[in-house]
Amino acid sequence: MAKVSAGTGSIYAFGFIGAVIYYISTATDFWMGLLGFLKALVWPAFLVYELLSSLGA
């Protein structure tokens, strides 16, 4: 079983909260808000994708 440190979990939690606030505040209707919440669950994947895209990988 993998161990996750408390620091890693808190960083993810703060990122999740920030992503939820961002996506919901930019939503134009309920369904876009719901989609924003789902996007907030996987925000690290978006971060890594954008990082690799900017590096040209």
C-alpha atoms as a PDB file:
ATOM      1  CA  MET A   1       0.000   0.000   0.000  1.00  0.00           C
ATOM      2  CA  ALA A   2       1.350   3.425  -0.930  1.00  0.00           C
ATOM      3  CA  LYS A   3       1.942   5.996   1.766  1.00  0.00           C
ATOM      4  CA  VAL A   4       1.059   9.616   1.127  1.00  0.00           C
ATOM      5  CA  SER A   5       2.541  12.275   3.360  1.00  0.00           C
ATOM      6  CA  ALA A   6       0.304  14.837   5.012  1.00  0.00           C
ATOM      7  CA  GLY A   7       2.054  17.639   3.105  1.00  0.00           C
ATOM      8  CA  THR A   8       1.156  16.152  -0.260  1.00  0.00           C
ATOM      9  CA  GLY A   9      -2.477  15.739   0.731  1.00  0.00           C
ATOM     10  CA  SER A  10      -2.753  19.311   1.948  1.00  0.00           C
ATOM     11  CA  ILE A  11      -1.219  20.669  -1.268  1.00  0.00           C
ATOM     12  CA  TYR A  12      -3.762  18.681  -3.288  1.00  0.00           C
ATOM     13  CA  ALA A  13      -6.579  19.903  -1.023  1.00  0.00           C
ATOM     14  CA  PHE A  14      -5.612  23.574  -1.425  1.00  0.00           C
ATOM     15  CA  GLY A  15      -5.283  23.070  -5.170  1.00  0.00           C
ATOM     16  CA  PHE A  16      -8.679  21.375  -5.276  1.00  0.00           C
ATOM     17  CA  ILE A  17     -10.349  24.212  -3.385  1.00  0.00           C
ATOM     18  CA  GLY A  18      -8.720  26.805  -5.607  1.00  0.00           C
ATOM     19  CA  ALA A  19      -9.715  24.925  -8.756  1.00  0.00           C
ATOM     20  CA  VAL A  20     -13.321  24.565  -7.568  1.00  0.00           C
ATOM     21  CA  ILE A  21     -13.527  28.285  -6.834  1.00  0.00           C
ATOM     22  CA  TYR A  22     -12.026  29.164 -10.224  1.00  0.00           C
ATOM     23  CA  TYR A  23     -14.106  26.776 -12.329  1.00  0.00           C
ATOM     24  CA  ILE A  24     -17.404  27.513 -10.572  1.00  0.00           C
ATOM     25  CA  SER A  25     -16.854  31.282 -10.648  1.00  0.00           C
ATOM     26  CA  THR A  26     -16.326  31.147 -14.418  1.00  0.00           C
ATOM     27  CA  ALA A  27     -19.283  28.821 -15.045  1.00  0.00           C
ATOM     28  CA  THR A  28     -22.150  30.229 -17.057  1.00  0.00           C
ATOM     29  CA  ASP A  29     -24.793  27.745 -15.883  1.00  0.00           C
ATOM     30  CA  PHE A  30     -25.339  24.809 -13.536  1.00  0.00           C
ATOM     31  CA  TRP A  31     -23.948  22.161 -15.882  1.00  0.00           C
ATOM     32  CA  MET A  32     -20.765  24.123 -16.515  1.00  0.00           C
ATOM     33  CA  GLY A  33     -20.410  24.452 -12.734  1.00  0.00           C
ATOM     34  CA  LEU A  34     -20.808  20.705 -12.361  1.00  0.00           C
ATOM     35  CA  LEU A  35     -18.251  20.128 -15.100  1.00  0.00           C
ATOM     36  CA  GLY A  36     -15.954  22.568 -13.302  1.00  0.00           C
ATOM     37  CA  PHE A  37     -16.273  20.560 -10.101  1.00  0.00           C
ATOM     38  CA  LEU A  38     -15.339  17.389 -11.972  1.00  0.00           C
ATOM     39  CA  LYS A  39     -12.383  19.160 -13.589  1.00  0.00           C
ATOM     40  CA  ALA A  40     -11.259  20.293 -10.147  1.00  0.00           C
ATOM     41  CA  LEU A  41     -10.990  16.648  -9.073  1.00  0.00           C
ATOM     42  CA  VAL A  42      -8.348  16.003 -11.727  1.00  0.00           C
ATOM     43  CA  TRP A  43      -6.541  19.382 -11.749  1.00  0.00           C
ATOM     44  CA  PRO A  44      -3.077  17.779 -11.396  1.00  0.00           C
ATOM     45  CA  ALA A  45      -3.556  16.081 -14.774  1.00  0.00           C
ATOM     46  CA  PHE A  46      -4.269  19.460 -16.399  1.00  0.00           C
ATOM     47  CA  LEU A  47      -1.219  20.932 -14.666  1.00  0.00           C
ATOM     48  CA  VAL A  48       1.122  18.192 -15.890  1.00  0.00           C
ATOM     49  CA  TYR A  49      -0.330  18.361 -19.408  1.00  0.00           C
ATOM     50  CA  GLU A  50       0.208  22.115 -19.646  1.00  0.00           C
ATOM     51  CA  LEU A  51       3.700  21.811 -18.172  1.00  0.00           C
ATOM     52  CA  LEU A  52       4.725  19.178 -20.694  1.00  0.00           C
ATOM     53  CA  SER A  53       3.110  21.133 -23.536  1.00  0.00           C
ATOM     54  CA  SER A  54       5.078  24.248 -22.635  1.00  0.00           C
ATOM     55  CA  LEU A  55       8.314  22.241 -22.492  1.00  0.00           C
ATOM     56  CA  GLY A  56       7.622  20.859 -25.973  1.00  0.00           C
ATOM     57  CA  ALA A  57       7.487  17.237 -24.860  1.00  0.00           C
END
